[in-house]
Amino acid sequence: MSVNQTLDAQGFWTAQQAAFSLQHLGHAQVREARLRAKSRPAQPEVS
């Protein structure tokens, strides 16, 4: 129990939540970019 209390006192929970929030934001950004790429019409190649 004391280890958990020590980690809480050091702000581990808050830091972990912030890290997961950034991870979710990254996943959302990649998903949005992929959806935009799929909806764009194909560009003809320029030689």
Protein backbone atom coordinates (compact mmCIF):
# COMPACT_ATOMS: atom_id res chain seq x y z
CA MET A 1 0.00 0.00 0.00
CA SER A 2 2.82 2.44 0.76
CA VAL A 3 4.18 2.15 -2.79
CA ASN A 4 0.82 3.24 -4.21
CA GLN A 5 0.67 6.16 -1.79
CA THR A 6 4.19 7.21 -2.73
CA LEU A 7 3.39 7.10 -6.43
CA ASP A 8 0.23 9.12 -5.83
CA ALA A 9 2.18 11.71 -3.84
CA GLN A 10 4.67 12.02 -6.70
CA GLY A 11 1.88 12.67 -9.21
CA PHE A 12 2.21 9.36 -11.07
CA TRP A 13 -1.55 9.07 -11.69
CA THR A 14 -1.77 12.55 -13.17
CA ALA A 15 1.28 11.99 -15.38
CA GLN A 16 -0.08 8.66 -16.57
CA GLN A 17 -3.44 10.18 -17.45
CA ALA A 18 -1.70 12.95 -19.39
CA ALA A 19 0.36 10.40 -21.32
CA PHE A 20 -2.72 8.37 -22.24
CA SER A 21 -4.53 11.53 -23.31
CA LEU A 22 -1.66 12.35 -25.67
CA GLN A 23 -1.71 8.79 -26.99
CA HIS A 24 -5.44 8.99 -27.72
CA LEU A 25 -4.94 12.35 -29.41
CA GLY A 26 -2.25 10.83 -31.62
CA HIS A 27 -4.52 7.95 -32.63
CA ALA A 28 -7.32 10.38 -33.45
CA GLN A 29 -4.98 12.51 -35.56
CA VAL A 30 -3.78 9.51 -37.57
CA ARG A 31 -7.34 8.31 -38.09
CA GLU A 32 -8.45 11.75 -39.27
CA ALA A 33 -5.52 11.97 -41.70
CA ARG A 34 -6.31 8.55 -43.14
CA LEU A 35 -9.98 9.45 -43.61
CA ARG A 36 -9.01 12.70 -45.35
CA ALA A 37 -6.59 10.83 -47.62
CA LYS A 38 -9.30 8.34 -48.61
CA SER A 39 -11.83 11.06 -49.43
CA ARG A 40 -9.43 13.04 -51.65
CA PRO A 41 -9.71 12.35 -55.38
CA ALA A 42 -6.70 10.76 -56.99
CA GLN A 43 -4.19 13.26 -58.35
CA PRO A 44 -2.82 12.61 -61.84
CA GLU A 45 0.93 12.08 -61.92
CA VAL A 46 2.93 14.94 -63.39
CA SER A 47 5.97 13.98 -65.46
